[in-house]
N, C-alpha and C. Protein backbone atom coordinates (compact mmCIF):
# COMPACT_ATOMS: atom_id res chain seq x y z
N MET A 1 0.84 -1.19 0.00
CA MET A 1 0.00 0.00 0.00
C MET A 1 0.88 1.25 0.00
N SER A 2 0.41 2.26 -0.72
CA SER A 2 1.20 3.49 -0.80
C SER A 2 1.11 4.28 0.50
N GLU A 3 2.06 5.16 0.68
CA GLU A 3 2.12 6.03 1.86
C GLU A 3 0.96 7.00 1.83
N LEU A 4 0.22 7.08 2.94
CA LEU A 4 -0.92 7.99 3.04
C LEU A 4 -0.65 9.06 4.09
N SER A 5 -1.24 10.21 3.87
CA SER A 5 -1.23 11.29 4.85
C SER A 5 -2.52 11.11 5.67
N ILE A 6 -2.36 10.90 6.98
CA ILE A 6 -3.52 10.54 7.81
C ILE A 6 -3.67 11.48 8.99
N LEU A 7 -4.90 11.89 9.23
CA LEU A 7 -5.27 12.71 10.37
C LEU A 7 -5.84 11.79 11.45
N ILE A 8 -5.40 11.97 12.69
CA ILE A 8 -5.92 11.18 13.81
C ILE A 8 -6.67 12.13 14.75
N ALA A 9 -7.89 11.75 15.12
CA ALA A 9 -8.65 12.55 16.09
C ALA A 9 -9.25 11.62 17.14
N ASP A 10 -8.76 11.76 18.36
CA ASP A 10 -9.26 10.98 19.50
C ASP A 10 -8.96 11.80 20.75
N ASP A 11 -9.92 11.84 21.68
CA ASP A 11 -9.69 12.66 22.87
C ASP A 11 -8.75 12.00 23.87
N GLU A 12 -8.36 10.76 23.62
CA GLU A 12 -7.42 10.07 24.52
C GLU A 12 -6.02 10.10 23.91
N ALA A 13 -5.11 10.79 24.59
CA ALA A 13 -3.74 10.99 24.08
C ALA A 13 -3.01 9.67 23.87
N LEU A 14 -3.18 8.70 24.78
CA LEU A 14 -2.48 7.41 24.64
C LEU A 14 -2.94 6.64 23.40
N ILE A 15 -4.22 6.71 23.12
CA ILE A 15 -4.73 6.03 21.92
C ILE A 15 -4.17 6.70 20.67
N ARG A 16 -4.16 8.03 20.66
CA ARG A 16 -3.56 8.75 19.51
C ARG A 16 -2.11 8.34 19.33
N LEU A 17 -1.37 8.27 20.41
CA LEU A 17 0.04 7.90 20.34
C LEU A 17 0.21 6.48 19.79
N ASP A 18 -0.59 5.53 20.28
CA ASP A 18 -0.52 4.15 19.78
C ASP A 18 -0.82 4.09 18.28
N ILE A 19 -1.87 4.78 17.87
CA ILE A 19 -2.26 4.77 16.46
C ILE A 19 -1.17 5.41 15.61
N LYS A 20 -0.63 6.52 16.10
CA LYS A 20 0.44 7.22 15.38
C LYS A 20 1.64 6.30 15.17
N GLU A 21 2.04 5.59 16.22
CA GLU A 21 3.18 4.66 16.10
C GLU A 21 2.89 3.55 15.11
N MET A 22 1.67 3.01 15.13
CA MET A 22 1.30 1.96 14.17
C MET A 22 1.35 2.49 12.74
N LEU A 23 0.82 3.68 12.54
CA LEU A 23 0.79 4.26 11.20
C LEU A 23 2.19 4.57 10.68
N GLN A 24 3.00 5.21 11.52
CA GLN A 24 4.36 5.54 11.11
C GLN A 24 5.19 4.28 10.87
N GLY A 25 4.96 3.27 11.70
CA GLY A 25 5.65 1.99 11.50
C GLY A 25 5.31 1.34 10.18
N ALA A 26 4.10 1.63 9.66
CA ALA A 26 3.66 1.08 8.37
C ALA A 26 4.02 1.99 7.20
N GLY A 27 4.71 3.11 7.51
CA GLY A 27 5.16 4.00 6.44
C GLY A 27 4.21 5.14 6.11
N HIS A 28 3.17 5.33 6.89
CA HIS A 28 2.25 6.44 6.66
C HIS A 28 2.74 7.70 7.36
N ILE A 29 2.20 8.84 6.96
CA ILE A 29 2.53 10.12 7.57
C ILE A 29 1.33 10.58 8.39
N VAL A 30 1.55 10.90 9.64
CA VAL A 30 0.49 11.48 10.46
C VAL A 30 0.60 12.99 10.30
N CYS A 31 -0.33 13.57 9.56
CA CYS A 31 -0.23 15.00 9.24
C CYS A 31 -0.80 15.88 10.34
N GLY A 32 -1.60 15.29 11.22
CA GLY A 32 -2.18 16.09 12.29
C GLY A 32 -2.85 15.22 13.34
N GLU A 33 -2.91 15.75 14.56
CA GLU A 33 -3.58 15.05 15.66
C GLU A 33 -4.51 16.03 16.35
N ALA A 34 -5.72 15.57 16.64
CA ALA A 34 -6.70 16.42 17.32
C ALA A 34 -7.30 15.67 18.50
N ASN A 35 -7.66 16.43 19.53
CA ASN A 35 -8.30 15.81 20.69
C ASN A 35 -9.78 16.19 20.80
N ASN A 36 -10.29 16.90 19.77
CA ASN A 36 -11.72 17.23 19.74
C ASN A 36 -12.18 17.42 18.29
N GLY A 37 -13.49 17.44 18.11
CA GLY A 37 -14.05 17.53 16.77
C GLY A 37 -13.71 18.79 16.02
N PRO A 38 -13.90 19.99 16.61
CA PRO A 38 -13.58 21.21 15.88
C PRO A 38 -12.12 21.28 15.43
N LYS A 39 -11.20 20.83 16.27
CA LYS A 39 -9.78 20.82 15.90
C LYS A 39 -9.54 19.87 14.74
N ALA A 40 -10.25 18.72 14.73
CA ALA A 40 -10.11 17.76 13.63
C ALA A 40 -10.54 18.40 12.31
N VAL A 41 -11.64 19.14 12.33
CA VAL A 41 -12.12 19.81 11.12
C VAL A 41 -11.10 20.86 10.66
N GLU A 42 -10.59 21.63 11.61
CA GLU A 42 -9.60 22.67 11.31
C GLU A 42 -8.36 22.05 10.67
N LEU A 43 -7.87 20.95 11.24
CA LEU A 43 -6.67 20.29 10.69
C LEU A 43 -6.95 19.70 9.31
N ALA A 44 -8.15 19.16 9.14
CA ALA A 44 -8.51 18.60 7.83
C ALA A 44 -8.50 19.69 6.76
N LYS A 45 -9.01 20.86 7.11
CA LYS A 45 -9.01 21.98 6.16
C LYS A 45 -7.59 22.43 5.85
N SER A 46 -6.72 22.40 6.86
CA SER A 46 -5.34 22.85 6.67
C SER A 46 -4.50 21.86 5.88
N PHE A 47 -4.65 20.57 6.19
CA PHE A 47 -3.74 19.57 5.63
C PHE A 47 -4.33 18.71 4.51
N ALA A 48 -5.66 18.71 4.34
CA ALA A 48 -6.32 17.87 3.33
C ALA A 48 -5.71 16.46 3.31
N PRO A 49 -5.88 15.71 4.40
CA PRO A 49 -5.28 14.37 4.47
C PRO A 49 -5.90 13.40 3.48
N ASP A 50 -5.19 12.32 3.21
CA ASP A 50 -5.72 11.26 2.35
C ASP A 50 -6.83 10.50 3.06
N LEU A 51 -6.77 10.47 4.40
CA LEU A 51 -7.71 9.69 5.20
C LEU A 51 -7.73 10.27 6.61
N ALA A 52 -8.87 10.16 7.28
CA ALA A 52 -8.96 10.59 8.68
C ALA A 52 -9.43 9.42 9.53
N ILE A 53 -8.80 9.26 10.67
CA ILE A 53 -9.21 8.25 11.65
C ILE A 53 -9.80 9.02 12.82
N LEU A 54 -11.10 8.82 13.07
CA LEU A 54 -11.81 9.60 14.07
C LEU A 54 -12.43 8.72 15.13
N ASP A 55 -12.32 9.17 16.38
CA ASP A 55 -13.04 8.53 17.47
C ASP A 55 -14.49 9.02 17.39
N VAL A 56 -15.43 8.15 17.68
CA VAL A 56 -16.84 8.55 17.63
C VAL A 56 -17.15 9.57 18.71
N MET A 57 -16.69 9.32 19.93
CA MET A 57 -17.03 10.20 21.06
C MET A 57 -15.89 11.18 21.33
N MET A 58 -16.09 12.43 20.87
CA MET A 58 -15.11 13.49 21.11
C MET A 58 -15.84 14.74 21.56
N PRO A 59 -15.16 15.61 22.30
CA PRO A 59 -15.79 16.87 22.70
C PRO A 59 -15.95 17.82 21.52
N GLY A 60 -16.89 18.73 21.64
CA GLY A 60 -17.12 19.74 20.60
C GLY A 60 -18.05 19.22 19.53
N LEU A 61 -17.53 18.41 18.66
CA LEU A 61 -18.30 17.70 17.63
C LEU A 61 -17.92 16.23 17.75
N ASP A 62 -18.91 15.35 17.72
CA ASP A 62 -18.53 13.94 17.79
C ASP A 62 -17.98 13.48 16.44
N GLY A 63 -17.37 12.31 16.44
CA GLY A 63 -16.73 11.80 15.24
C GLY A 63 -17.66 11.65 14.06
N LEU A 64 -18.93 11.36 14.32
CA LEU A 64 -19.89 11.22 13.22
C LEU A 64 -20.21 12.57 12.58
N GLU A 65 -20.29 13.61 13.40
CA GLU A 65 -20.51 14.95 12.85
C GLU A 65 -19.29 15.41 12.05
N VAL A 66 -18.11 15.12 12.58
CA VAL A 66 -16.88 15.47 11.86
C VAL A 66 -16.80 14.68 10.55
N ALA A 67 -17.18 13.40 10.60
CA ALA A 67 -17.16 12.56 9.39
C ALA A 67 -18.05 13.15 8.31
N LYS A 68 -19.19 13.67 8.70
CA LYS A 68 -20.11 14.28 7.74
C LYS A 68 -19.45 15.49 7.07
N ILE A 69 -18.77 16.31 7.87
CA ILE A 69 -18.07 17.49 7.34
C ILE A 69 -16.93 17.05 6.41
N LEU A 70 -16.17 16.06 6.84
CA LEU A 70 -15.04 15.59 6.02
C LEU A 70 -15.53 14.94 4.73
N HIS A 71 -16.68 14.29 4.79
CA HIS A 71 -17.26 13.71 3.57
C HIS A 71 -17.50 14.82 2.54
N SER A 72 -18.01 15.95 3.00
CA SER A 72 -18.25 17.07 2.07
C SER A 72 -16.94 17.64 1.54
N MET A 73 -15.83 17.39 2.24
CA MET A 73 -14.51 17.84 1.81
C MET A 73 -13.80 16.74 0.99
N ASN A 74 -14.51 15.65 0.76
CA ASN A 74 -13.98 14.52 -0.01
C ASN A 74 -12.79 13.85 0.67
N ILE A 75 -12.87 13.69 1.99
CA ILE A 75 -11.84 13.01 2.77
C ILE A 75 -12.47 11.76 3.36
N PRO A 76 -11.95 10.58 3.04
CA PRO A 76 -12.52 9.36 3.59
C PRO A 76 -12.24 9.22 5.09
N VAL A 77 -13.16 8.57 5.79
CA VAL A 77 -13.07 8.45 7.24
C VAL A 77 -13.16 7.00 7.68
N LEU A 78 -12.29 6.67 8.65
CA LEU A 78 -12.34 5.39 9.36
C LEU A 78 -12.67 5.74 10.80
N LEU A 79 -13.76 5.19 11.32
CA LEU A 79 -14.18 5.51 12.69
C LEU A 79 -13.65 4.50 13.69
N LEU A 80 -13.28 5.02 14.85
CA LEU A 80 -12.86 4.19 15.99
C LEU A 80 -13.85 4.44 17.12
N THR A 81 -14.19 3.40 17.84
CA THR A 81 -15.10 3.61 18.95
C THR A 81 -14.99 2.50 19.99
N ALA A 82 -15.38 2.85 21.19
CA ALA A 82 -15.50 1.84 22.25
C ALA A 82 -16.92 1.28 22.23
N TYR A 83 -17.75 1.85 21.37
CA TYR A 83 -19.17 1.48 21.32
C TYR A 83 -19.47 0.72 20.03
N SER A 84 -20.02 -0.46 20.18
CA SER A 84 -20.38 -1.23 18.99
C SER A 84 -21.89 -1.35 18.85
N GLN A 85 -22.65 -0.50 19.58
CA GLN A 85 -24.10 -0.56 19.48
C GLN A 85 -24.57 -0.18 18.08
N SER A 86 -25.70 -0.74 17.71
CA SER A 86 -26.21 -0.53 16.36
C SER A 86 -26.56 0.93 16.08
N LYS A 87 -26.93 1.73 17.11
CA LYS A 87 -27.28 3.13 16.84
C LYS A 87 -26.08 3.90 16.30
N PHE A 88 -24.87 3.59 16.77
CA PHE A 88 -23.68 4.25 16.25
C PHE A 88 -23.36 3.76 14.84
N ILE A 89 -23.51 2.47 14.63
CA ILE A 89 -23.24 1.90 13.31
C ILE A 89 -24.23 2.46 12.29
N ASN A 90 -25.50 2.58 12.66
CA ASN A 90 -26.51 3.13 11.75
C ASN A 90 -26.20 4.59 11.41
N ARG A 91 -25.79 5.37 12.40
CA ARG A 91 -25.41 6.76 12.13
C ARG A 91 -24.17 6.81 11.23
N ALA A 92 -23.24 5.90 11.46
CA ALA A 92 -22.01 5.85 10.65
C ALA A 92 -22.35 5.57 9.19
N GLU A 93 -23.30 4.70 8.95
CA GLU A 93 -23.72 4.40 7.57
C GLU A 93 -24.23 5.65 6.88
N LYS A 94 -24.95 6.48 7.61
CA LYS A 94 -25.58 7.65 7.02
C LYS A 94 -24.60 8.77 6.70
N VAL A 95 -23.42 8.76 7.30
CA VAL A 95 -22.44 9.82 7.02
C VAL A 95 -21.32 9.31 6.10
N SER A 96 -21.52 8.19 5.48
CA SER A 96 -20.58 7.65 4.47
C SER A 96 -19.17 7.43 4.98
N VAL A 97 -19.03 6.74 6.11
CA VAL A 97 -17.69 6.37 6.55
C VAL A 97 -17.26 5.12 5.80
N TYR A 98 -15.98 4.90 5.71
CA TYR A 98 -15.45 3.78 4.93
C TYR A 98 -14.95 2.64 5.80
N GLY A 99 -15.09 2.75 7.10
CA GLY A 99 -14.69 1.67 7.99
C GLY A 99 -15.04 2.01 9.42
N TYR A 100 -15.12 0.98 10.25
CA TYR A 100 -15.57 1.15 11.63
C TYR A 100 -14.86 0.11 12.47
N LEU A 101 -14.00 0.54 13.39
CA LEU A 101 -13.26 -0.39 14.25
C LEU A 101 -13.62 -0.16 15.71
N VAL A 102 -13.77 -1.25 16.46
CA VAL A 102 -14.08 -1.17 17.88
C VAL A 102 -12.79 -1.30 18.68
N LYS A 103 -12.60 -0.38 19.64
CA LYS A 103 -11.41 -0.40 20.50
C LYS A 103 -11.45 -1.60 21.42
N PRO A 104 -10.31 -2.10 21.86
CA PRO A 104 -8.95 -1.63 21.60
C PRO A 104 -8.50 -1.99 20.18
N ILE A 105 -7.75 -1.09 19.58
CA ILE A 105 -7.28 -1.23 18.20
C ILE A 105 -5.91 -1.87 18.19
N THR A 106 -5.76 -2.86 17.31
CA THR A 106 -4.45 -3.47 17.12
C THR A 106 -3.96 -3.16 15.71
N GLU A 107 -2.68 -3.24 15.53
CA GLU A 107 -2.09 -3.01 14.21
C GLU A 107 -2.66 -3.99 13.19
N ARG A 108 -2.89 -5.20 13.65
CA ARG A 108 -3.44 -6.26 12.80
C ARG A 108 -4.82 -5.90 12.27
N ASP A 109 -5.59 -5.13 13.06
CA ASP A 109 -6.92 -4.69 12.62
C ASP A 109 -6.86 -3.37 11.85
N LEU A 110 -6.04 -2.45 12.35
CA LEU A 110 -6.01 -1.10 11.81
C LEU A 110 -5.48 -1.02 10.37
N LEU A 111 -4.34 -1.63 10.12
CA LEU A 111 -3.71 -1.47 8.80
C LEU A 111 -4.56 -2.03 7.65
N PRO A 112 -5.13 -3.24 7.79
CA PRO A 112 -6.02 -3.71 6.71
C PRO A 112 -7.27 -2.84 6.57
N ALA A 113 -7.80 -2.33 7.70
CA ALA A 113 -8.99 -1.48 7.64
C ALA A 113 -8.68 -0.19 6.87
N ILE A 114 -7.49 0.37 7.08
CA ILE A 114 -7.09 1.57 6.35
C ILE A 114 -6.97 1.27 4.86
N GLN A 115 -6.33 0.17 4.55
CA GLN A 115 -6.13 -0.20 3.14
C GLN A 115 -7.47 -0.38 2.43
N ILE A 116 -8.39 -1.08 3.09
CA ILE A 116 -9.70 -1.33 2.48
C ILE A 116 -10.51 -0.04 2.39
N ALA A 117 -10.50 0.76 3.45
CA ALA A 117 -11.25 2.02 3.45
C ALA A 117 -10.77 2.92 2.32
N TYR A 118 -9.46 3.04 2.17
CA TYR A 118 -8.91 3.92 1.14
C TYR A 118 -9.21 3.37 -0.27
N ALA A 119 -9.15 2.06 -0.42
CA ALA A 119 -9.47 1.45 -1.72
C ALA A 119 -10.93 1.68 -2.08
N ARG A 120 -11.84 1.53 -1.12
CA ARG A 120 -13.27 1.76 -1.38
C ARG A 120 -13.51 3.22 -1.75
N TRP A 121 -12.83 4.12 -1.05
CA TRP A 121 -12.97 5.54 -1.35
C TRP A 121 -12.50 5.84 -2.78
N ARG A 122 -11.36 5.26 -3.15
CA ARG A 122 -10.85 5.47 -4.52
C ARG A 122 -11.81 4.92 -5.57
N GLU A 123 -12.42 3.78 -5.28
CA GLU A 123 -13.42 3.22 -6.19
C GLU A 123 -14.59 4.19 -6.35
N MET A 124 -15.03 4.77 -5.24
CA MET A 124 -16.13 5.74 -5.29
C MET A 124 -15.73 6.96 -6.11
N GLN A 125 -14.49 7.40 -5.99
CA GLN A 125 -14.02 8.54 -6.77
C GLN A 125 -14.07 8.23 -8.26
N ALA A 126 -13.67 7.02 -8.61
CA ALA A 126 -13.70 6.61 -10.02
C ALA A 126 -15.13 6.56 -10.55
N VAL A 127 -16.04 6.04 -9.75
CA VAL A 127 -17.45 5.97 -10.15
C VAL A 127 -18.01 7.38 -10.32
N ARG A 128 -17.70 8.27 -9.37
CA ARG A 128 -18.18 9.66 -9.47
C ARG A 128 -17.64 10.34 -10.72
N ALA A 129 -16.36 10.14 -10.98
CA ALA A 129 -15.75 10.76 -12.16
C ALA A 129 -16.40 10.24 -13.44
N LYS A 130 -16.66 8.95 -13.47
CA LYS A 130 -17.29 8.35 -14.65
C LYS A 130 -18.70 8.90 -14.83
N LEU A 131 -19.44 9.04 -13.74
CA LEU A 131 -20.78 9.59 -13.79
C LEU A 131 -20.76 11.04 -14.27
N GLU A 132 -19.83 11.83 -13.74
CA GLU A 132 -19.71 13.23 -14.17
C GLU A 132 -19.37 13.32 -15.65
N ASN A 133 -18.46 12.46 -16.13
CA ASN A 133 -18.10 12.46 -17.54
C ASN A 133 -19.28 12.07 -18.41
N THR A 134 -20.06 11.09 -17.96
CA THR A 134 -21.23 10.66 -18.71
C THR A 134 -22.26 11.78 -18.77
N GLN A 135 -22.47 12.46 -17.65
CA GLN A 135 -23.43 13.58 -17.63
C GLN A 135 -22.96 14.71 -18.54
N LEU A 136 -21.67 14.99 -18.51
CA LEU A 136 -21.11 16.04 -19.37
C LEU A 136 -21.25 15.67 -20.84
N GLU A 137 -20.98 14.41 -21.15
CA GLU A 137 -21.11 13.93 -22.52
C GLU A 137 -22.55 14.02 -22.99
N LEU A 138 -23.48 13.64 -22.13
CA LEU A 138 -24.91 13.71 -22.47
C LEU A 138 -25.32 15.16 -22.71
N GLN A 139 -24.88 16.05 -21.84
CA GLN A 139 -25.20 17.47 -22.00
C GLN A 139 -24.61 18.01 -23.31
N SER A 140 -23.40 17.58 -23.63
CA SER A 140 -22.77 18.00 -24.89
C SER A 140 -23.58 17.53 -26.09
N GLN A 141 -24.04 16.29 -26.04
CA GLN A 141 -24.84 15.74 -27.14
C GLN A 141 -26.16 16.51 -27.30
N LYS A 142 -26.77 16.88 -26.16
CA LYS A 142 -28.02 17.66 -26.21
C LYS A 142 -27.76 19.03 -26.83
N THR A 143 -26.65 19.66 -26.45
CA THR A 143 -26.30 20.99 -26.97
C THR A 143 -26.08 20.91 -28.47
N ILE A 144 -25.34 19.91 -28.92
CA ILE A 144 -25.08 19.74 -30.35
C ILE A 144 -26.38 19.48 -31.11
N ALA A 145 -27.24 18.62 -30.55
CA ALA A 145 -28.51 18.31 -31.22
C ALA A 145 -29.38 19.56 -31.36
N ARG A 146 -29.41 20.38 -30.32
CA ARG A 146 -30.22 21.60 -30.37
C ARG A 146 -29.67 22.57 -31.41
N ALA A 147 -28.35 22.76 -31.42
CA ALA A 147 -27.73 23.66 -32.40
C ALA A 147 -27.94 23.14 -33.82
N ARG A 148 -27.83 21.83 -33.98
CA ARG A 148 -28.04 21.21 -35.30
C ARG A 148 -29.46 21.51 -35.79
N SER A 149 -30.42 21.41 -34.89
CA SER A 149 -31.82 21.67 -35.22
C SER A 149 -32.02 23.14 -35.61
N ILE A 150 -31.37 24.04 -34.88
CA ILE A 150 -31.44 25.47 -35.19
C ILE A 150 -30.88 25.74 -36.59
N LEU A 151 -29.69 25.17 -36.87
CA LEU A 151 -29.06 25.37 -38.19
C LEU A 151 -29.92 24.78 -39.31
N ALA A 152 -30.49 23.60 -39.08
CA ALA A 152 -31.32 22.96 -40.10
C ALA A 152 -32.53 23.83 -40.42
N GLU A 153 -33.18 24.35 -39.39
CA GLU A 153 -34.37 25.19 -39.58
C GLU A 153 -34.00 26.52 -40.23
N ARG A 154 -32.92 27.13 -39.75
CA ARG A 154 -32.48 28.44 -40.26
C ARG A 154 -32.08 28.37 -41.73
N ASN A 155 -31.42 27.28 -42.12
CA ASN A 155 -30.89 27.18 -43.49
C ASN A 155 -31.71 26.30 -44.41
N GLY A 156 -32.79 25.71 -43.89
CA GLY A 156 -33.64 24.85 -44.71
C GLY A 156 -32.90 23.62 -45.22
N ILE A 157 -32.11 23.01 -44.33
CA ILE A 157 -31.33 21.83 -44.71
C ILE A 157 -31.67 20.66 -43.78
N SER A 158 -31.19 19.48 -44.13
CA SER A 158 -31.45 18.29 -43.30
C SER A 158 -30.60 18.33 -42.03
N ASP A 159 -30.97 17.49 -41.06
CA ASP A 159 -30.17 17.40 -39.83
C ASP A 159 -28.75 16.95 -40.15
N TYR A 160 -28.62 16.03 -41.10
CA TYR A 160 -27.28 15.55 -41.46
C TYR A 160 -26.44 16.69 -42.01
N GLU A 161 -27.04 17.47 -42.92
CA GLU A 161 -26.32 18.60 -43.52
C GLU A 161 -25.99 19.65 -42.45
N ALA A 162 -26.92 19.86 -41.53
CA ALA A 162 -26.68 20.83 -40.44
C ALA A 162 -25.53 20.35 -39.56
N HIS A 163 -25.47 19.05 -39.34
CA HIS A 163 -24.38 18.51 -38.52
C HIS A 163 -23.03 18.69 -39.23
N GLN A 164 -23.00 18.43 -40.51
CA GLN A 164 -21.77 18.62 -41.29
C GLN A 164 -21.36 20.09 -41.28
N LEU A 165 -22.33 20.98 -41.40
CA LEU A 165 -22.06 22.42 -41.37
C LEU A 165 -21.47 22.82 -40.01
N LEU A 166 -22.04 22.28 -38.96
CA LEU A 166 -21.56 22.55 -37.60
C LEU A 166 -20.11 22.10 -37.45
N ILE A 167 -19.80 20.93 -37.93
CA ILE A 167 -18.43 20.39 -37.84
C ILE A 167 -17.46 21.27 -38.62
N HIS A 168 -17.83 21.63 -39.85
CA HIS A 168 -16.93 22.43 -40.69
C HIS A 168 -16.72 23.83 -40.11
N GLN A 169 -17.79 24.44 -39.60
CA GLN A 169 -17.64 25.77 -39.00
C GLN A 169 -16.75 25.71 -37.76
N ALA A 170 -16.91 24.69 -36.96
CA ALA A 170 -16.08 24.53 -35.76
C ALA A 170 -14.61 24.37 -36.14
N MET A 171 -14.37 23.59 -37.21
CA MET A 171 -12.99 23.40 -37.67
C MET A 171 -12.41 24.72 -38.18
N ASP A 172 -13.22 25.46 -38.93
CA ASP A 172 -12.76 26.75 -39.45
C ASP A 172 -12.42 27.73 -38.33
N LEU A 173 -13.23 27.70 -37.28
CA LEU A 173 -13.03 28.61 -36.14
C LEU A 173 -12.01 28.06 -35.13
N ARG A 174 -11.61 26.81 -35.34
CA ARG A 174 -10.67 26.13 -34.45
C ARG A 174 -11.19 26.07 -33.00
N ILE A 175 -12.46 25.70 -32.90
CA ILE A 175 -13.07 25.49 -31.59
C ILE A 175 -13.81 24.15 -31.62
N THR A 176 -14.20 23.67 -30.47
CA THR A 176 -14.91 22.39 -30.43
C THR A 176 -16.33 22.57 -30.96
N VAL A 177 -16.89 21.47 -31.42
CA VAL A 177 -18.26 21.48 -31.92
C VAL A 177 -19.22 21.90 -30.80
N VAL A 178 -18.96 21.44 -29.60
CA VAL A 178 -19.82 21.77 -28.46
C VAL A 178 -19.79 23.28 -28.18
N LYS A 179 -18.61 23.87 -28.24
CA LYS A 179 -18.48 25.30 -27.99
C LYS A 179 -19.23 26.10 -29.05
N LEU A 180 -19.08 25.71 -30.31
CA LEU A 180 -19.79 26.38 -31.39
C LEU A 180 -21.30 26.20 -31.22
N ALA A 181 -21.71 24.99 -30.87
CA ALA A 181 -23.14 24.72 -30.66
C ALA A 181 -23.70 25.62 -29.57
N ALA A 182 -22.97 25.77 -28.48
CA ALA A 182 -23.41 26.63 -27.38
C ALA A 182 -23.52 28.08 -27.84
N GLN A 183 -22.57 28.53 -28.68
CA GLN A 183 -22.62 29.90 -29.20
C GLN A 183 -23.85 30.10 -30.08
N ILE A 184 -24.16 29.12 -30.91
CA ILE A 184 -25.33 29.21 -31.80
C ILE A 184 -26.61 29.30 -30.97
N ILE A 185 -26.69 28.49 -29.94
CA ILE A 185 -27.87 28.49 -29.06
C ILE A 185 -27.98 29.84 -28.36
N ASP A 186 -26.85 30.35 -27.86
CA ASP A 186 -26.84 31.66 -27.19
C ASP A 186 -27.32 32.78 -28.13
N GLU A 187 -26.75 32.80 -29.33
CA GLU A 187 -27.11 33.84 -30.30
C GLU A 187 -28.59 33.77 -30.66
N THR A 188 -29.10 32.56 -30.82
CA THR A 188 -30.51 32.37 -31.15
C THR A 188 -31.41 32.84 -30.01
N SER A 189 -31.00 32.55 -28.78
CA SER A 189 -31.78 33.01 -27.61
C SER A 189 -31.81 34.52 -27.52
N LYS A 190 -30.67 35.18 -27.80
CA LYS A 190 -30.60 36.64 -27.74
C LYS A 190 -31.48 37.27 -28.81
N VAL A 191 -31.48 36.69 -30.02
CA VAL A 191 -32.29 37.21 -31.11
C VAL A 191 -33.77 37.10 -30.75
N LYS A 192 -34.18 35.96 -30.16
CA LYS A 192 -35.57 35.75 -29.76
C LYS A 192 -35.99 36.73 -28.67
N LYS A 193 -35.11 37.04 -27.74
CA LYS A 193 -35.41 37.97 -26.65
C LYS A 193 -35.59 39.40 -27.20
N ASN A 194 -34.81 39.75 -28.22
CA ASN A 194 -34.86 41.10 -28.77
C ASN A 194 -36.05 41.33 -29.68
N LYS A 195 -36.75 40.27 -30.04
CA LYS A 195 -37.90 40.42 -30.94
C LYS A 195 -39.13 40.91 -30.20
């Protein structure tokens, strides 16, 4: 596993120290340590860690509240707790944490949990990126289709001919077909507003 920058937040100094030693022994970098929720958020904003390890029960903001904030910052979270009750696990599910370990934590449990949590987070990033690309591609196709329709109607030509015209004009202007299509739609909207 590659070296990760990890934030540790636990209100117990000895637990933070143990986790820090385990992480550094495995080649990871501990970029920050916090003993309460607000400090964990502050450090996450400052250091943008690859992963955060948070205790569920911390002063200020509990680990689940911090996890929700870090999720919005696109930082994966592994939760640590002395509590294995289902109410904590159910809350953890709702804030999109990538792992949940019950104390006492051993290196044998922690390191694989980090590896799996980070791998799942990376998979989610890939899925999100693919979804965004698909949405962008779909929007581009809609823009091109609309511009093609405008050109066909304006020039009394077929959709195929309008598409060819769009491609040739884009090449002449040295811009993408999507950019030209958006310009055509914009110009048409302005003309309609001025009428």
